[in-house]
Amino acid sequence: MSDKLSIRRLTETEIHIPLEMARQEGWNPGIEDGPPFFAADPNGFLAGEIDGQLIAVISAVQYEDTYGFIGFYICKREFRTQGYGHQIWHHAMSYLGARLIGLDAVNEQTASYGEHGFKSVYRNIRQTGISMCDAPMDPRIAPIGQGLFPSIRDYDRRFFPAPREAFLKAWTAPMLETRKGFAFVENGEVKGYGVVRRCHEGYKIGPLFADTPEIADTLFRTLAGQVKGQFVVLDTPEPNAAALLLAEKYDLSPEFETFRMYRGKVPDLPLDQTFGITSFELG
């Protein structure tokens, strides 16, 4: 068997491969994460192979010319510590070039990423629990559909370092029982939105962006109320004390944490209005 690693792009029909590898690692991806992830950057999902056997994956998603995000960095256990991970990592970093690059790292990997110029900026804390919420009867809550999407796209812009329209269009599109999005609209203006999606275990809420803690609370109850009695996940940025209080109020408990790291100038994002990040995989 050759030890030479061949690196190629994954096709749209292969996007399930990194998602399944992530599931096996216990990352619990969403059931329908593939299409929106691929839409974000059809060239951004890489596979490493030895003699045609896929042994490693990574995502390096370009958001226009200014921002990129690394995720799905996984090498099969029997091929670890042999240099293959480093090879596909360097390929991914080369693809992103001189952009500002973000990633979410577990604590034990932060030093390794630091050697590549990444700096830890804050922690994201995964909060989990059983939803006991009833969805509020509030006329300011609207399901996200095509008519509302332009306003959602514009609202989202200040929460992310670069435009991500293709991803958002797929991420917010309702998918029967697997994904629903809602916005808080007051006087014709979007003042918050969120998405709940079914995962292999329970449901994840993300993003959850809102102008105020009160709006975030209303949106959380709306989203969690869609899946009352089910296991839910909310990934809260630690600098937002109101987000931590929201999780505590609804009996969500910290499960683990990641560190948001950047290589390049740290973006100025409204973390005080970020009550739940979109995903650990794409930022």
C-alpha atoms as a PDB file:
ATOM      1  CA  MET A   1       0.000   0.000   0.000  1.00  0.00           C
ATOM      2  CA  SER A   2       1.326   3.414  -0.987  1.00  0.00           C
ATOM      3  CA  ASP A   3       1.797   6.039   1.718  1.00  0.00           C
ATOM      4  CA  LYS A   4       1.273   8.953  -0.675  1.00  0.00           C
ATOM      5  CA  LEU A   5      -1.759  11.094   0.129  1.00  0.00           C
ATOM      6  CA  SER A   6      -3.861  12.269  -2.797  1.00  0.00           C
ATOM      7  CA  ILE A   7      -6.060  15.292  -2.083  1.00  0.00           C
ATOM      8  CA  ARG A   8      -9.190  16.114  -4.060  1.00  0.00           C
ATOM      9  CA  ARG A   9     -12.406  18.090  -3.763  1.00  0.00           C
ATOM     10  CA  LEU A  10     -15.558  16.347  -2.642  1.00  0.00           C
ATOM     11  CA  THR A  11     -18.550  16.574  -4.955  1.00  0.00           C
ATOM     12  CA  GLU A  12     -22.075  17.529  -3.936  1.00  0.00           C
ATOM     13  CA  THR A  13     -23.096  13.871  -3.845  1.00  0.00           C
ATOM     14  CA  GLU A  14     -20.221  13.177  -1.418  1.00  0.00           C
ATOM     15  CA  ILE A  15     -20.999  15.895   1.129  1.00  0.00           C
ATOM     16  CA  HIS A  16     -22.430  13.195   3.380  1.00  0.00           C
ATOM     17  CA  ILE A  17     -18.923  11.803   3.925  1.00  0.00           C
ATOM     18  CA  PRO A  18     -17.558  14.518   6.258  1.00  0.00           C
ATOM     19  CA  LEU A  19     -20.936  14.687   7.982  1.00  0.00           C
ATOM     20  CA  GLU A  20     -20.866  10.949   8.682  1.00  0.00           C
ATOM     21  CA  MET A  21     -17.269  11.146   9.902  1.00  0.00           C
ATOM     22  CA  ALA A  22     -18.310  14.021  12.173  1.00  0.00           C
ATOM     23  CA  ARG A  23     -21.198  11.925  13.482  1.00  0.00           C
ATOM     24  CA  GLN A  24     -18.811   9.078  14.274  1.00  0.00           C
ATOM     25  CA  GLU A  25     -16.645  11.555  16.212  1.00  0.00           C
ATOM     26  CA  GLY A  26     -19.672  12.505  18.318  1.00  0.00           C
ATOM     27  CA  TRP A  27     -20.134  15.964  16.797  1.00  0.00           C
ATOM     28  CA  ASN A  28     -23.836  15.359  16.128  1.00  0.00           C
ATOM     29  CA  PRO A  29     -24.347  17.219  12.827  1.00  0.00           C
ATOM     30  CA  GLY A  30     -27.747  18.150  11.459  1.00  0.00           C
ATOM     31  CA  ILE A  31     -29.719  15.678   9.362  1.00  0.00           C
ATOM     32  CA  GLU A  32     -29.945  18.158   6.449  1.00  0.00           C
ATOM     33  CA  ASP A  33     -26.676  20.078   6.941  1.00  0.00           C
ATOM     34  CA  GLY A  34     -25.160  18.875   3.670  1.00  0.00           C
ATOM     35  CA  PRO A  35     -26.929  21.080   1.096  1.00  0.00           C
ATOM     36  CA  PRO A  36     -26.444  24.428   2.900  1.00  0.00           C
ATOM     37  CA  PHE A  37     -22.839  23.589   3.801  1.00  0.00           C
ATOM     38  CA  PHE A  38     -22.043  22.702   0.181  1.00  0.00           C
ATOM     39  CA  ALA A  39     -23.855  25.817  -1.052  1.00  0.00           C
ATOM     40  CA  ALA A  40     -21.535  27.962   1.075  1.00  0.00           C
ATOM     41  CA  ASP A  41     -18.571  26.928  -1.101  1.00  0.00           C
ATOM     42  CA  PRO A  42     -18.828  24.029  -3.573  1.00  0.00           C
ATOM     43  CA  ASN A  43     -15.022  23.898  -3.780  1.00  0.00           C
ATOM     44  CA  GLY A  44     -14.400  24.018  -0.059  1.00  0.00           C
ATOM     45  CA  PHE A  45     -14.692  20.364   1.003  1.00  0.00           C
ATOM     46  CA  LEU A  46     -11.552  18.267   0.634  1.00  0.00           C
ATOM     47  CA  ALA A  47     -10.733  14.588   0.965  1.00  0.00           C
ATOM     48  CA  GLY A  48      -7.385  12.872   1.423  1.00  0.00           C
ATOM     49  CA  GLU A  49      -6.979   9.392  -0.052  1.00  0.00           C
ATOM     50  CA  ILE A  50      -4.360   6.672  -0.102  1.00  0.00           C
ATOM     51  CA  ASP A  51      -4.702   4.252  -3.011  1.00  0.00           C
ATOM     52  CA  GLY A  52      -8.322   5.369  -3.412  1.00  0.00           C
ATOM     53  CA  GLN A  53      -9.175   4.868   0.276  1.00  0.00           C
ATOM     54  CA  LEU A  54     -10.544   8.021   1.888  1.00  0.00           C
ATOM     55  CA  ILE A  55      -8.738   8.604   5.190  1.00  0.00           C
ATOM     56  CA  ALA A  56      -9.141  12.328   5.973  1.00  0.00           C
ATOM     57  CA  VAL A  57     -11.420  15.279   5.329  1.00  0.00           C
ATOM     58  CA  ILE A  58     -11.405  19.016   5.974  1.00  0.00           C
ATOM     59  CA  SER A  59     -13.547  21.978   4.976  1.00  0.00           C
ATOM     60  CA  ALA A  60     -12.043  25.300   3.968  1.00  0.00           C
ATOM     61  CA  VAL A  61     -14.975  27.522   3.074  1.00  0.00           C
ATOM     62  CA  GLN A  62     -14.333  30.779   1.239  1.00  0.00           C
ATOM     63  CA  TYR A  63     -16.711  33.626   2.022  1.00  0.00           C
ATOM     64  CA  GLU A  64     -15.959  35.952  -0.883  1.00  0.00           C
ATOM     65  CA  ASP A  65     -12.411  37.336  -0.929  1.00  0.00           C
ATOM     66  CA  THR A  66     -12.092  38.383   2.697  1.00  0.00           C
ATOM     67  CA  TYR A  67     -12.977  35.507   5.020  1.00  0.00           C
ATOM     68  CA  GLY A  68     -12.599  31.759   5.322  1.00  0.00           C
ATOM     69  CA  PHE A  69     -13.492  29.133   7.903  1.00  0.00           C
ATOM     70  CA  ILE A  70     -11.882  25.768   8.675  1.00  0.00           C
ATOM     71  CA  GLY A  71     -13.989  22.835   9.856  1.00  0.00           C
ATOM     72  CA  PHE A  72     -14.470  19.060   9.566  1.00  0.00           C
ATOM     73  CA  TYR A  73     -10.757  18.485  10.196  1.00  0.00           C
ATOM     74  CA  ILE A  74     -10.880  14.720  10.710  1.00  0.00           C
ATOM     75  CA  CYS A  75      -8.424  11.913  10.029  1.00  0.00           C
ATOM     76  CA  LYS A  76      -9.439   8.309  10.555  1.00  0.00           C
ATOM     77  CA  ARG A  77      -7.963   7.037  13.796  1.00  0.00           C
ATOM     78  CA  GLU A  78      -5.738   4.350  12.294  1.00  0.00           C
ATOM     79  CA  PHE A  79      -4.036   6.958  10.081  1.00  0.00           C
ATOM     80  CA  ARG A  80      -3.410   9.635  12.719  1.00  0.00           C
ATOM     81  CA  THR A  81       0.076  10.844  13.803  1.00  0.00           C
ATOM     82  CA  GLN A  82       1.486   9.888  10.398  1.00  0.00           C
ATOM     83  CA  GLY A  83       1.505  13.358   8.839  1.00  0.00           C
ATOM     84  CA  TYR A  84      -1.576  12.953   6.664  1.00  0.00           C
ATOM     85  CA  GLY A  85      -3.597  15.457   8.675  1.00  0.00           C
ATOM     86  CA  HIS A  86      -0.893  18.073   8.241  1.00  0.00           C
ATOM     87  CA  GLN A  87      -0.894  17.537   4.489  1.00  0.00           C
ATOM     88  CA  ILE A  88      -4.605  18.124   4.042  1.00  0.00           C
ATOM     89  CA  TRP A  89      -4.461  21.024   6.542  1.00  0.00           C
ATOM     90  CA  HIS A  90      -1.829  22.824   4.470  1.00  0.00           C
ATOM     91  CA  HIS A  91      -3.845  22.210   1.320  1.00  0.00           C
ATOM     92  CA  ALA A  92      -6.904  23.775   2.958  1.00  0.00           C
ATOM     93  CA  MET A  93      -4.951  26.768   4.239  1.00  0.00           C
ATOM     94  CA  SER A  94      -3.443  27.314   0.812  1.00  0.00           C
ATOM     95  CA  TYR A  95      -6.939  27.372  -0.687  1.00  0.00           C
ATOM     96  CA  LEU A  96      -8.016  30.111   1.746  1.00  0.00           C
ATOM     97  CA  GLY A  97      -4.893  32.157   1.055  1.00  0.00           C
ATOM     98  CA  ALA A  98      -4.447  35.530   2.756  1.00  0.00           C
ATOM     99  CA  ARG A  99      -8.026  35.812   3.976  1.00  0.00           C
ATOM    100  CA  LEU A 100      -8.953  36.303   7.606  1.00  0.00           C
ATOM    101  CA  ILE A 101      -9.544  32.710   8.758  1.00  0.00           C
ATOM    102  CA  GLY A 102     -11.651  31.470  11.655  1.00  0.00           C
ATOM    103  CA  LEU A 103     -12.137  28.097  13.308  1.00  0.00           C
ATOM    104  CA  ASP A 104     -13.509  26.554  16.489  1.00  0.00           C
ATOM    105  CA  ALA A 105     -11.017  24.431  18.423  1.00  0.00           C
ATOM    106  CA  VAL A 106     -11.209  22.210  21.466  1.00  0.00           C
ATOM    107  CA  ASN A 107      -8.876  23.291  24.239  1.00  0.00           C
ATOM    108  CA  GLU A 108      -6.253  20.600  23.656  1.00  0.00           C
ATOM    109  CA  GLN A 109      -5.794  21.733  20.021  1.00  0.00           C
ATOM    110  CA  THR A 110      -5.451  25.484  20.581  1.00  0.00           C
ATOM    111  CA  ALA A 111      -1.663  25.329  20.999  1.00  0.00           C
ATOM    112  CA  SER A 112      -1.331  23.441  17.726  1.00  0.00           C
ATOM    113  CA  TYR A 113      -3.403  26.016  15.858  1.00  0.00           C
ATOM    114  CA  GLY A 114      -1.436  28.760  17.588  1.00  0.00           C
ATOM    115  CA  GLU A 115       1.674  27.486  15.809  1.00  0.00           C
ATOM    116  CA  HIS A 116      -0.113  28.324  12.544  1.00  0.00           C
ATOM    117  CA  GLY A 117      -0.832  31.913  13.555  1.00  0.00           C
ATOM    118  CA  PHE A 118      -4.269  31.454  15.123  1.00  0.00           C
ATOM    119  CA  LYS A 119      -5.178  33.274  18.332  1.00  0.00           C
ATOM    120  CA  SER A 120      -7.946  32.370  20.785  1.00  0.00           C
ATOM    121  CA  VAL A 121     -10.490  35.179  21.132  1.00  0.00           C
ATOM    122  CA  TYR A 122     -13.342  33.738  23.227  1.00  0.00           C
ATOM    123  CA  ARG A 123     -15.026  30.512  24.242  1.00  0.00           C
ATOM    124  CA  ASN A 124     -18.222  29.063  22.829  1.00  0.00           C
ATOM    125  CA  ILE A 125     -20.078  26.948  25.369  1.00  0.00           C
ATOM    126  CA  ARG A 126     -22.382  24.162  24.213  1.00  0.00           C
ATOM    127  CA  GLN A 127     -25.544  24.179  26.339  1.00  0.00           C
ATOM    128  CA  THR A 128     -27.879  21.185  26.283  1.00  0.00           C
ATOM    129  CA  GLY A 129     -31.140  20.117  27.883  1.00  0.00           C
ATOM    130  CA  ILE A 130     -34.743  19.123  27.313  1.00  0.00           C
ATOM    131  CA  SER A 131     -37.013  21.766  25.822  1.00  0.00           C
ATOM    132  CA  MET A 132     -39.920  22.510  28.121  1.00  0.00           C
ATOM    133  CA  CYS A 133     -40.928  25.633  26.207  1.00  0.00           C
ATOM    134  CA  ASP A 134     -44.283  26.489  24.723  1.00  0.00           C
ATOM    135  CA  ALA A 135     -44.043  28.604  21.589  1.00  0.00           C
ATOM    136  CA  PRO A 136     -45.388  32.091  22.378  1.00  0.00           C
ATOM    137  CA  MET A 137     -48.410  33.492  20.550  1.00  0.00           C
ATOM    138  CA  ASP A 138     -46.669  36.685  19.459  1.00  0.00           C
ATOM    139  CA  PRO A 139     -47.695  38.526  16.279  1.00  0.00           C
ATOM    140  CA  ARG A 140     -44.129  39.788  15.890  1.00  0.00           C
ATOM    141  CA  ILE A 141     -42.873  36.248  15.210  1.00  0.00           C
ATOM    142  CA  ALA A 142     -42.872  35.283  11.529  1.00  0.00           C
ATOM    143  CA  PRO A 143     -41.708  32.082   9.831  1.00  0.00           C
ATOM    144  CA  ILE A 144     -38.818  32.706   7.468  1.00  0.00           C
ATOM    145  CA  GLY A 145     -39.874  32.301   3.852  1.00  0.00           C
ATOM    146  CA  GLN A 146     -38.791  33.668   0.490  1.00  0.00           C
ATOM    147  CA  GLY A 147     -40.504  37.003   1.067  1.00  0.00           C
ATOM    148  CA  LEU A 148     -38.633  37.609   4.313  1.00  0.00           C
ATOM    149  CA  PHE A 149     -35.262  36.291   3.168  1.00  0.00           C
ATOM    150  CA  PRO A 150     -33.802  39.589   1.844  1.00  0.00           C
ATOM    151  CA  SER A 151     -34.355  41.174   5.244  1.00  0.00           C
ATOM    152  CA  ILE A 152     -32.797  38.143   6.992  1.00  0.00           C
ATOM    153  CA  ARG A 153     -29.774  38.329   4.670  1.00  0.00           C
ATOM    154  CA  ASP A 154     -29.311  42.007   5.436  1.00  0.00           C
ATOM    155  CA  TYR A 155     -29.781  41.523   9.181  1.00  0.00           C
ATOM    156  CA  ASP A 156     -27.298  38.642   9.255  1.00  0.00           C
ATOM    157  CA  ARG A 157     -24.595  40.707   7.596  1.00  0.00           C
ATOM    158  CA  ARG A 158     -23.383  42.453  10.734  1.00  0.00           C
ATOM    159  CA  PHE A 159     -23.082  39.155  12.622  1.00  0.00           C
ATOM    160  CA  PHE A 160     -20.643  37.544  10.199  1.00  0.00           C
ATOM    161  CA  PRO A 161     -17.312  38.734   8.802  1.00  0.00           C
ATOM    162  CA  ALA A 162     -18.439  38.403   5.163  1.00  0.00           C
ATOM    163  CA  PRO A 163     -21.651  37.958   3.149  1.00  0.00           C
ATOM    164  CA  ARG A 164     -22.972  34.378   3.097  1.00  0.00           C
ATOM    165  CA  GLU A 165     -26.126  34.607   0.996  1.00  0.00           C
ATOM    166  CA  ALA A 166     -25.934  31.198  -0.702  1.00  0.00           C
ATOM    167  CA  PHE A 167     -25.491  29.445   2.623  1.00  0.00           C
ATOM    168  CA  LEU A 168     -28.228  31.457   4.357  1.00  0.00           C
ATOM    169  CA  LYS A 169     -30.767  30.845   1.606  1.00  0.00           C
ATOM    170  CA  ALA A 170     -30.384  27.090   2.071  1.00  0.00           C
ATOM    171  CA  TRP A 171     -29.981  27.252   5.874  1.00  0.00           C
ATOM    172  CA  THR A 172     -33.186  29.209   6.457  1.00  0.00           C
ATOM    173  CA  ALA A 173     -35.304  27.331   3.919  1.00  0.00           C
ATOM    174  CA  PRO A 174     -37.946  25.288   5.772  1.00  0.00           C
ATOM    175  CA  MET A 175     -37.482  21.509   5.452  1.00  0.00           C
ATOM    176  CA  LEU A 176     -40.713  19.978   6.753  1.00  0.00           C
ATOM    177  CA  GLU A 177     -39.849  18.427  10.115  1.00  0.00           C
ATOM    178  CA  THR A 178     -36.067  18.830   9.968  1.00  0.00           C
ATOM    179  CA  ARG A 179     -35.500  22.613   9.941  1.00  0.00           C
ATOM    180  CA  LYS A 180     -37.526  25.738  10.729  1.00  0.00           C
ATOM    181  CA  GLY A 181     -36.571  29.394  10.927  1.00  0.00           C
ATOM    182  CA  PHE A 182     -38.335  32.319  12.562  1.00  0.00           C
ATOM    183  CA  ALA A 183     -37.769  36.065  12.656  1.00  0.00           C
ATOM    184  CA  PHE A 184     -38.808  38.728  15.123  1.00  0.00           C
ATOM    185  CA  VAL A 185     -40.312  41.564  13.075  1.00  0.00           C
ATOM    186  CA  GLU A 186     -41.431  44.845  14.600  1.00  0.00           C
ATOM    187  CA  ASN A 187     -42.712  47.816  12.616  1.00  0.00           C
ATOM    188  CA  GLY A 188     -41.602  46.090   9.430  1.00  0.00           C
ATOM    189  CA  GLU A 189     -38.023  45.654  10.651  1.00  0.00           C
ATOM    190  CA  VAL A 190     -36.243  42.399  11.466  1.00  0.00           C
ATOM    191  CA  LYS A 191     -34.811  42.599  14.983  1.00  0.00           C
ATOM    192  CA  GLY A 192     -33.705  39.008  15.389  1.00  0.00           C
ATOM    193  CA  TYR A 193     -33.905  35.547  13.868  1.00  0.00           C
ATOM    194  CA  GLY A 194     -33.084  31.944  14.590  1.00  0.00           C
ATOM    195  CA  VAL A 195     -33.164  28.444  13.130  1.00  0.00           C
ATOM    196  CA  VAL A 196     -33.852  25.077  14.761  1.00  0.00           C
ATOM    197  CA  ARG A 197     -32.799  21.900  12.953  1.00  0.00           C
ATOM    198  CA  ARG A 198     -32.966  18.200  13.630  1.00  0.00           C
ATOM    199  CA  CYS A 199     -29.692  16.440  14.343  1.00  0.00           C
ATOM    200  CA  HIS A 200     -28.772  12.801  14.820  1.00  0.00           C
ATOM    201  CA  GLU A 201     -29.433  13.410  18.507  1.00  0.00           C
ATOM    202  CA  GLY A 202     -32.090  15.991  19.283  1.00  0.00           C
ATOM    203  CA  TYR A 203     -32.173  19.474  17.790  1.00  0.00           C
ATOM    204  CA  LYS A 204     -29.750  22.390  17.515  1.00  0.00           C
ATOM    205  CA  ILE A 205     -30.718  26.048  17.652  1.00  0.00           C
ATOM    206  CA  GLY A 206     -28.415  28.246  15.624  1.00  0.00           C
ATOM    207  CA  PRO A 207     -27.995  30.918  14.810  1.00  0.00           C
ATOM    208  CA  LEU A 208     -29.863  32.887  17.445  1.00  0.00           C
ATOM    209  CA  PHE A 209     -29.258  36.578  16.786  1.00  0.00           C
ATOM    210  CA  ALA A 210     -31.310  39.329  18.446  1.00  0.00           C
ATOM    211  CA  ASP A 211     -31.153  43.038  19.176  1.00  0.00           C
ATOM    212  CA  THR A 212     -32.039  42.540  22.846  1.00  0.00           C
ATOM    213  CA  PRO A 213     -32.132  39.746  25.439  1.00  0.00           C
ATOM    214  CA  GLU A 214     -35.941  40.023  25.504  1.00  0.00           C
ATOM    215  CA  ILE A 215     -36.163  39.392  21.770  1.00  0.00           C
ATOM    216  CA  ALA A 216     -33.718  36.504  22.098  1.00  0.00           C
ATOM    217  CA  ASP A 217     -35.907  35.018  24.823  1.00  0.00           C
ATOM    218  CA  THR A 218     -38.998  35.211  22.622  1.00  0.00           C
ATOM    219  CA  LEU A 219     -37.173  33.644  19.689  1.00  0.00           C
ATOM    220  CA  PHE A 220     -35.691  30.897  21.858  1.00  0.00           C
ATOM    221  CA  ARG A 221     -39.129  29.949  23.172  1.00  0.00           C
ATOM    222  CA  THR A 222     -40.447  29.967  19.609  1.00  0.00           C
ATOM    223  CA  LEU A 223     -37.686  27.697  18.341  1.00  0.00           C
ATOM    224  CA  ALA A 224     -37.519  25.386  21.353  1.00  0.00           C
ATOM    225  CA  GLY A 225     -41.304  25.298  21.430  1.00  0.00           C
ATOM    226  CA  GLN A 226     -41.301  23.630  18.011  1.00  0.00           C
ATOM    227  CA  VAL A 227     -39.637  20.600  19.588  1.00  0.00           C
ATOM    228  CA  LYS A 228     -41.008  20.604  23.145  1.00  0.00           C
ATOM    229  CA  GLY A 229     -39.953  17.523  25.075  1.00  0.00           C
ATOM    230  CA  GLN A 230     -36.909  16.965  22.844  1.00  0.00           C
ATOM    231  CA  PHE A 231     -33.186  17.315  23.543  1.00  0.00           C
ATOM    232  CA  VAL A 232     -31.941  20.747  22.362  1.00  0.00           C
ATOM    233  CA  VAL A 233     -28.512  22.327  21.900  1.00  0.00           C
ATOM    234  CA  LEU A 234     -27.528  26.006  21.960  1.00  0.00           C
ATOM    235  CA  ASP A 235     -23.920  27.102  21.397  1.00  0.00           C
ATOM    236  CA  THR A 236     -23.469  30.329  23.357  1.00  0.00           C
ATOM    237  CA  PRO A 237     -20.518  32.741  23.098  1.00  0.00           C
ATOM    238  CA  GLU A 238     -19.177  33.195  26.621  1.00  0.00           C
ATOM    239  CA  PRO A 239     -18.701  37.001  26.331  1.00  0.00           C
ATOM    240  CA  ASN A 240     -22.497  37.350  26.070  1.00  0.00           C
ATOM    241  CA  ALA A 241     -23.590  37.081  29.713  1.00  0.00           C
ATOM    242  CA  ALA A 242     -27.244  37.409  28.681  1.00  0.00           C
ATOM    243  CA  ALA A 243     -26.888  34.327  26.454  1.00  0.00           C
ATOM    244  CA  LEU A 244     -25.542  32.302  29.377  1.00  0.00           C
ATOM    245  CA  LEU A 245     -28.435  33.489  31.528  1.00  0.00           C
ATOM    246  CA  LEU A 246     -30.896  32.535  28.791  1.00  0.00           C
ATOM    247  CA  ALA A 247     -29.498  28.999  28.730  1.00  0.00           C
ATOM    248  CA  GLU A 248     -29.659  28.786  32.512  1.00  0.00           C
ATOM    249  CA  LYS A 249     -33.223  30.123  32.594  1.00  0.00           C
ATOM    250  CA  TYR A 250     -34.414  27.265  30.394  1.00  0.00           C
ATOM    251  CA  ASP A 251     -32.402  24.601  32.264  1.00  0.00           C
ATOM    252  CA  LEU A 252     -29.711  24.059  29.657  1.00  0.00           C
ATOM    253  CA  SER A 253     -26.398  22.900  31.103  1.00  0.00           C
ATOM    254  CA  PRO A 254     -22.834  23.332  29.780  1.00  0.00           C
ATOM    255  CA  GLU A 255     -21.670  20.181  27.990  1.00  0.00           C
ATOM    256  CA  PHE A 256     -18.324  21.226  26.502  1.00  0.00           C
ATOM    257  CA  GLU A 257     -16.584  24.243  25.054  1.00  0.00           C
ATOM    258  CA  THR A 258     -14.619  25.334  22.015  1.00  0.00           C
ATOM    259  CA  PHE A 259     -12.357  28.297  21.460  1.00  0.00           C
ATOM    260  CA  ARG A 260     -13.083  30.647  18.568  1.00  0.00           C
ATOM    261  CA  MET A 261      -9.729  31.353  16.970  1.00  0.00           C
ATOM    262  CA  TYR A 262      -8.735  33.688  14.157  1.00  0.00           C
ATOM    263  CA  ARG A 263      -5.701  34.136  11.984  1.00  0.00           C
ATOM    264  CA  GLY A 264      -5.640  37.786  11.028  1.00  0.00           C
ATOM    265  CA  LYS A 265      -7.393  40.855  12.367  1.00  0.00           C
ATOM    266  CA  VAL A 266     -10.166  39.841  14.749  1.00  0.00           C
ATOM    267  CA  PRO A 267     -13.548  40.882  13.274  1.00  0.00           C
ATOM    268  CA  ASP A 268     -15.674  43.354  15.204  1.00  0.00           C
ATOM    269  CA  LEU A 269     -18.891  41.392  15.643  1.00  0.00           C
ATOM    270  CA  PRO A 270     -21.821  42.100  18.009  1.00  0.00           C
ATOM    271  CA  LEU A 271     -21.283  39.240  20.446  1.00  0.00           C
ATOM    272  CA  ASP A 272     -23.689  40.925  22.873  1.00  0.00           C
ATOM    273  CA  GLN A 273     -26.439  40.227  20.319  1.00  0.00           C
ATOM    274  CA  THR A 274     -25.185  36.741  19.447  1.00  0.00           C
ATOM    275  CA  PHE A 275     -27.086  34.308  21.655  1.00  0.00           C
ATOM    276  CA  GLY A 276     -26.250  31.218  19.632  1.00  0.00           C
ATOM    277  CA  ILE A 277     -23.665  30.735  16.894  1.00  0.00           C
ATOM    278  CA  THR A 278     -24.648  29.164  13.591  1.00  0.00           C
ATOM    279  CA  SER A 279     -22.376  26.113  13.695  1.00  0.00           C
ATOM    280  CA  PHE A 280     -18.940  24.965  14.836  1.00  0.00           C
ATOM    281  CA  GLU A 281     -18.230  23.689  11.321  1.00  0.00           C
ATOM    282  CA  LEU A 282     -18.822  26.815   9.203  1.00  0.00           C
ATOM    283  CA  GLY A 283     -18.758  29.604  11.795  1.00  0.00           C
END
